[in-house]
Every structure is written in C-alpha cells, then in structure tokens.
Amino acid sequence: GGPAGSQLLYGNEARSEDADAEDDAEESVMTNLHANLYSSAFLLTMRGWLEGRRCSSIMAWIWVVLAYLVQGFFTYTAYAYVAYRLELDYFEDVDGVRAATHHLTQVIEANISLRGNSYERQITSMCRRLPSPSFFCAVEFIFNCFLLSSMSELRTLLFQVWMSPIVRSRRHTVEEYDSKTVVVGILPRDRWVFVVGLVVPKMVMTVALWYIGTALVAFTRQMRRMVFRALILVFISKMDAVLFSSFLSSSKKDWLPQ
C-alpha cells in the first residue's frame, strides 16, 4: 500500500536547487488534497513524473477523460430532451393539451369563468399536477448545493496548483514527510497542464450542467417527475466520484486523505 496520506506544500518563495527542505517549510503552509478523481490525477501525475512511472500518470488521466466523456454525454442528453421534446410526450393527447392551453389563454384574456368550459376538467387536472413554486425552489436549492460542493473542491485544487512554489528540478517536486506524500513544488509548465487539463474542463462541465439542469427541472410539469429528475442531475454531477470510488485501486486511494 501507499503512504497514509498526501499533502500539498505551497508558499511565497520558490525552492532553489540546493535549498534545504526545513528552510523552505518555514515559509510554507501544508494543506490536504481532497479525495477525488482530479486531485488523485494531480498527485499520481506528479509522482509518476518524478519516479518515471508513466503508466500511473496515463491511467489517472484516462479516468479523468472518461469522467468528462460520461458526464458530457448525460449532460447533452438532458439538453437534447429540454431543447426538442419539452415534455409534450408525457400527455397522451398532445393536440388536446394544446387546445386546452389555447382555451385557457382565451379565458384569461377575456376574464371569464372556466365553469361550463369544455376543457375545464382537463385544465384543472393539468394545474393540479404542476409543481408549486416553493417546491421548485426547494429542489433547485438542493441541486445547486451539490454543484457548489463540486465547485468548492475545484477551487481548492486550483488554489493548490497555482500557489505551489516554482522549482527548477523535477526531483524537488515530491517528497515524503512522516509517511505522507507531499508536493513541495511544481515546474512552471506543469502548472498550466493541470489548470487546463483538470480545472478548466471540469468548471465548464459544471456550469453547463447547472444551466441545462435548471431548465430541465423548470420544464417539469409533474411533481414526482421533478424529484426524479433532480436525483438524475445529482447523479450526473457526482459521476467523477462514482468512478473514483469504484475503479481507482485502494493503494492509490490511500495516498489521498479520506
């Protein structure tokens, strides 16, 4: 198995070739990495580049790309449903629904009663199945909370990568302290690799899922379907966590704090 946990060391001054580790630690702060797919890709890549293990780095990025593809596929599926179907297939009589909607519009414009209208029963049934505004706000709040948790972890990873000290040599990037893997520095070109490869795509995916997911929930015409759709959106947002828990080996998980 691997070390008990991993940490990132960052500070205000870069590490030189012959600098002593203890002198650098005085101006630096330790922060733990989150146990997720993107932090694991960051750590495994840093260790792989240092120790010459290309397979570990490649596998870590394969799982990240797979998470992007799966999450993007489900997000696009939700977008296609919102953009083209708009839930009319939930009703057996689509033409009847449109006619009832047209009659309801006329009733509102003429300010007359629905009593005695031929579409009264159908319109009343449709209105009863519609979710209330308060219920929609509650579901949307829970969905946003899940997305904000993902954005918080992403912001932490961005801060850890960007604030890592710049070093000149690969052998000064990762060290072992008290049975823990510590990233003590990063090469200038590596910083952009992690930001562009890990942070930016995940941020774009999260924003797209928020926009499409909000529209998907808003277009729902039945309360029970709204709950079901919210659960689907939460599952899509946590797709990377599912892959991390299911397929990453236990020895590599132990390198990240649980």
Protein backbone atom coordinates (compact mmCIF):
# COMPACT_ATOMS: atom_id res chain seq x y z
CA GLY A 1 0.00 0.00 0.00
CA GLY A 2 0.97 3.61 -0.32
CA PRO A 3 1.64 6.21 2.34
CA ALA A 4 -1.08 7.17 4.76
CA GLY A 5 -1.98 10.44 3.04
CA SER A 6 -0.85 13.24 0.78
CA GLN A 7 -0.46 16.95 1.17
CA LEU A 8 0.48 19.97 -0.88
CA LEU A 9 3.15 22.41 0.24
CA TYR A 10 2.88 25.97 -1.02
CA GLY A 11 4.37 29.29 -0.04
CA ASN A 12 5.64 32.66 -1.17
CA GLU A 13 9.18 31.72 -2.23
CA ALA A 14 10.29 29.21 -4.85
CA ARG A 15 12.68 26.39 -3.99
CA SER A 16 16.23 26.60 -5.41
CA GLU A 17 18.44 23.69 -6.44
CA ASP A 18 20.44 23.41 -3.23
CA ALA A 19 17.83 24.74 -0.75
CA ASP A 20 17.26 22.82 2.44
CA ALA A 21 13.74 21.36 2.98
CA GLU A 22 13.45 22.67 6.52
CA ASP A 23 14.24 26.24 5.47
CA ASP A 24 11.53 26.09 2.80
CA ALA A 25 8.97 24.68 5.22
CA GLU A 26 9.29 27.74 7.46
CA GLU A 27 7.75 29.94 4.74
CA SER A 28 5.20 27.36 3.58
CA VAL A 29 1.82 26.02 4.61
CA MET A 30 0.55 22.43 4.49
CA THR A 31 -2.89 21.75 3.01
CA ASN A 32 -4.56 18.41 2.39
CA LEU A 33 -5.74 17.29 -1.03
CA HIS A 34 -9.38 16.33 -1.47
CA ALA A 35 -10.07 12.64 -2.04
CA ASN A 36 -11.50 12.92 -5.55
CA LEU A 37 -10.66 11.95 -9.10
CA TYR A 38 -8.99 15.23 -10.07
CA SER A 39 -6.77 15.54 -7.00
CA SER A 40 -5.71 11.92 -7.48
CA ALA A 41 -4.80 12.67 -11.10
CA PHE A 42 -2.73 15.63 -9.91
CA LEU A 43 -0.88 13.59 -7.27
CA LEU A 44 -0.37 10.47 -9.41
CA THR A 45 0.96 12.58 -12.26
CA MET A 46 3.44 14.37 -10.00
CA ARG A 47 4.65 11.07 -8.53
CA GLY A 48 4.72 9.41 -11.93
CA TRP A 49 6.83 12.16 -13.47
CA LEU A 50 9.25 12.05 -10.53
CA GLU A 51 9.61 8.27 -10.35
CA GLY A 52 9.34 7.59 -14.07
CA ARG A 53 6.01 5.73 -13.76
CA ARG A 54 4.26 6.71 -16.95
CA CYS A 55 1.59 4.05 -16.59
CA SER A 56 0.25 5.57 -13.35
CA SER A 57 0.06 9.04 -14.89
CA ILE A 58 -1.60 7.77 -18.06
CA MET A 59 -4.21 5.73 -16.16
CA ALA A 60 -5.02 8.69 -13.93
CA TRP A 61 -5.70 10.89 -16.97
CA ILE A 62 -7.67 8.13 -18.69
CA TRP A 63 -10.11 8.07 -15.77
CA VAL A 64 -10.36 11.87 -15.86
CA VAL A 65 -11.11 11.86 -19.60
CA LEU A 66 -13.64 9.05 -19.10
CA ALA A 67 -15.39 11.09 -16.41
CA TYR A 68 -15.55 14.09 -18.79
CA LEU A 69 -16.99 11.94 -21.59
CA VAL A 70 -19.62 10.20 -19.46
CA GLN A 71 -20.70 13.38 -17.72
CA GLY A 72 -20.76 15.25 -21.03
CA PHE A 73 -22.88 12.53 -22.64
CA PHE A 74 -25.53 12.64 -19.92
CA THR A 75 -25.48 16.44 -19.91
CA TYR A 76 -26.01 16.55 -23.66
CA THR A 77 -28.83 14.01 -23.34
CA ALA A 78 -30.55 16.29 -20.85
CA TYR A 79 -30.02 19.25 -23.18
CA ALA A 80 -31.49 17.38 -26.16
CA TYR A 81 -34.56 16.47 -24.13
CA VAL A 82 -35.10 20.03 -22.95
CA ALA A 83 -34.47 21.56 -26.37
CA TYR A 84 -36.57 19.25 -28.52
CA ARG A 85 -39.22 17.41 -26.52
CA LEU A 86 -40.41 19.83 -23.85
CA GLU A 87 -42.42 17.07 -22.16
CA LEU A 88 -45.33 17.00 -24.59
CA ASP A 89 -44.97 13.23 -24.83
CA TYR A 90 -45.95 12.96 -21.15
CA PHE A 91 -49.54 13.54 -22.23
CA GLU A 92 -51.35 11.01 -24.37
CA ASP A 93 -53.36 13.65 -26.23
CA VAL A 94 -50.87 16.28 -27.34
CA ASP A 95 -53.39 18.09 -29.54
CA GLY A 96 -55.86 18.16 -26.65
CA VAL A 97 -53.24 19.73 -24.37
CA ARG A 98 -52.52 22.44 -26.93
CA ALA A 99 -56.22 23.12 -27.43
CA ALA A 100 -56.76 23.31 -23.66
CA THR A 101 -53.85 25.72 -23.34
CA HIS A 102 -55.29 27.89 -26.09
CA HIS A 103 -58.69 27.94 -24.39
CA LEU A 104 -57.11 28.81 -21.02
CA THR A 105 -55.32 31.74 -22.65
CA GLN A 106 -58.58 32.99 -24.11
CA VAL A 107 -60.34 32.65 -20.74
CA ILE A 108 -57.63 34.69 -19.02
CA GLU A 109 -57.66 37.38 -21.69
CA ALA A 110 -61.48 37.64 -21.63
CA ASN A 111 -61.54 37.44 -17.80
CA ILE A 112 -64.38 34.90 -17.76
CA SER A 113 -65.05 31.83 -15.61
CA LEU A 114 -63.88 28.33 -16.55
CA ARG A 115 -67.16 26.80 -15.36
CA GLY A 116 -69.02 25.18 -18.20
CA ASN A 117 -65.98 25.25 -20.46
CA SER A 118 -65.45 22.04 -22.43
CA TYR A 119 -61.81 21.89 -21.30
CA GLU A 120 -62.50 22.68 -17.63
CA ARG A 121 -61.71 19.19 -16.32
CA GLN A 122 -58.56 18.82 -18.41
CA ILE A 123 -57.23 22.23 -17.42
CA THR A 124 -57.95 21.58 -13.74
CA SER A 125 -56.16 18.21 -13.90
CA MET A 126 -53.12 19.80 -15.54
CA CYS A 127 -52.91 22.54 -12.93
CA ARG A 128 -53.12 20.09 -10.04
CA ARG A 129 -50.16 18.12 -11.35
CA LEU A 130 -47.94 21.16 -11.73
CA PRO A 131 -45.28 21.57 -9.00
CA SER A 132 -45.69 24.60 -6.77
CA PRO A 133 -43.14 27.44 -7.00
CA SER A 134 -41.95 26.73 -3.44
CA PHE A 135 -41.37 23.06 -4.28
CA PHE A 136 -39.41 24.03 -7.39
CA CYS A 137 -37.26 26.44 -5.34
CA ALA A 138 -36.54 23.71 -2.78
CA VAL A 139 -35.49 21.20 -5.45
CA GLU A 140 -33.38 23.80 -7.24
CA PHE A 141 -31.70 24.76 -3.96
CA ILE A 142 -30.63 21.17 -3.26
CA PHE A 143 -29.36 20.77 -6.82
CA ASN A 144 -27.33 23.98 -6.55
CA CYS A 145 -25.84 22.82 -3.23
CA PHE A 146 -24.42 19.71 -4.89
CA LEU A 147 -22.94 21.76 -7.71
CA LEU A 148 -21.46 24.28 -5.28
CA SER A 149 -19.72 21.46 -3.41
CA SER A 150 -18.08 20.39 -6.68
CA MET A 151 -17.06 23.97 -7.43
CA SER A 152 -15.61 24.32 -3.93
CA GLU A 153 -13.36 21.29 -4.40
CA LEU A 154 -12.37 22.59 -7.82
CA ARG A 155 -11.50 26.00 -6.41
CA THR A 156 -9.34 24.32 -3.74
CA LEU A 157 -7.46 22.31 -6.37
CA LEU A 158 -6.92 25.44 -8.47
CA PHE A 159 -5.56 27.31 -5.46
CA GLN A 160 -3.26 24.41 -4.52
CA VAL A 161 -1.84 24.08 -8.03
CA TRP A 162 -1.42 27.82 -8.63
CA MET A 163 0.11 28.58 -5.24
CA SER A 164 2.65 25.75 -5.32
CA PRO A 165 6.26 27.00 -5.23
CA ILE A 166 8.05 27.05 -8.56
CA VAL A 167 11.08 24.71 -8.61
CA ARG A 168 13.81 24.16 -11.19
CA SER A 169 14.23 20.43 -10.94
CA ARG A 170 11.77 17.52 -11.10
CA ARG A 171 13.43 15.84 -8.10
CA HIS A 172 12.34 18.74 -5.87
CA THR A 173 8.60 18.40 -6.63
CA VAL A 174 7.53 15.47 -4.40
CA GLU A 175 8.96 14.29 -1.08
CA GLU A 176 8.00 12.04 1.81
CA TYR A 177 7.32 13.54 5.25
CA ASP A 178 6.16 11.35 8.15
CA SER A 179 4.78 8.62 5.85
CA LYS A 180 2.94 11.22 3.78
CA THR A 181 3.40 12.18 0.16
CA VAL A 182 4.00 15.93 -0.01
CA VAL A 183 4.03 18.00 -3.20
CA VAL A 184 6.65 20.63 -2.31
CA GLY A 185 6.95 22.35 -5.70
CA ILE A 186 5.92 22.38 -9.31
CA LEU A 187 7.59 23.20 -12.60
CA PRO A 188 6.25 26.27 -14.45
CA ARG A 189 4.97 24.26 -17.43
CA ASP A 190 3.27 21.71 -15.16
CA ARG A 191 1.07 24.38 -13.64
CA TRP A 192 -0.66 25.09 -16.95
CA VAL A 193 -1.04 21.37 -17.69
CA PHE A 194 -3.09 20.84 -14.54
CA VAL A 195 -5.10 24.06 -14.84
CA VAL A 196 -6.03 23.47 -18.49
CA GLY A 197 -6.43 19.70 -18.18
CA LEU A 198 -8.20 19.41 -14.82
CA VAL A 199 -9.68 22.69 -13.61
CA VAL A 200 -11.00 24.37 -16.78
CA PRO A 201 -12.87 21.37 -18.32
CA LYS A 202 -14.48 20.49 -15.00
CA MET A 203 -15.56 24.09 -14.47
CA VAL A 204 -17.11 24.28 -17.95
CA MET A 205 -18.89 20.96 -17.39
CA THR A 206 -20.29 22.10 -14.05
CA VAL A 207 -21.60 25.41 -15.44
CA ALA A 208 -23.20 23.62 -18.42
CA LEU A 209 -24.83 21.06 -16.11
CA TRP A 210 -26.19 23.85 -13.90
CA TYR A 211 -27.75 25.72 -16.84
CA ILE A 212 -29.22 22.65 -18.54
CA GLY A 213 -30.26 21.03 -15.27
CA THR A 214 -32.13 24.15 -14.15
CA ALA A 215 -34.03 24.21 -17.46
CA LEU A 216 -34.79 20.50 -17.19
CA VAL A 217 -36.26 20.92 -13.71
CA ALA A 218 -38.14 24.09 -14.66
CA PHE A 219 -39.85 22.42 -17.63
CA THR A 220 -41.17 19.58 -15.48
CA ARG A 221 -44.97 19.51 -15.29
CA GLN A 222 -45.39 16.86 -12.59
CA MET A 223 -44.09 16.94 -9.03
CA ARG A 224 -42.98 13.32 -8.86
CA ARG A 225 -41.05 13.68 -12.11
CA MET A 226 -39.31 16.77 -10.78
CA VAL A 227 -37.89 14.82 -7.84
CA PHE A 228 -36.77 12.02 -10.15
CA ARG A 229 -35.05 14.44 -12.50
CA ALA A 230 -33.30 16.22 -9.64
CA LEU A 231 -31.87 12.87 -8.49
CA ILE A 232 -30.66 12.18 -12.03
CA LEU A 233 -28.90 15.56 -12.14
CA VAL A 234 -27.23 14.93 -8.79
CA PHE A 235 -26.03 11.56 -10.08
CA ILE A 236 -24.57 13.22 -13.19
CA SER A 237 -22.79 15.83 -11.07
CA LYS A 238 -21.23 13.08 -8.93
CA MET A 239 -20.17 10.88 -11.83
CA ASP A 240 -16.48 11.54 -11.17
CA ALA A 241 -16.92 10.50 -7.52
CA VAL A 242 -18.52 7.23 -8.64
CA LEU A 243 -15.58 6.46 -10.93
CA PHE A 244 -13.08 7.39 -8.21
CA SER A 245 -14.72 5.12 -5.62
CA SER A 246 -15.35 2.22 -7.98
CA PHE A 247 -12.28 1.88 -10.17
CA LEU A 248 -9.28 3.54 -8.51
CA SER A 249 -7.16 0.99 -6.64
CA SER A 250 -7.09 1.01 -2.83
CA SER A 251 -3.33 1.59 -2.74
CA LYS A 252 -3.70 4.80 -4.74
CA LYS A 253 -6.68 5.93 -2.69
CA ASP A 254 -4.54 5.65 0.44
CA TRP A 255 -2.27 8.37 -0.94
CA LEU A 256 -5.15 10.82 -0.52
CA PRO A 257 -6.67 11.64 2.92
CA GLN A 258 -10.07 10.04 3.39
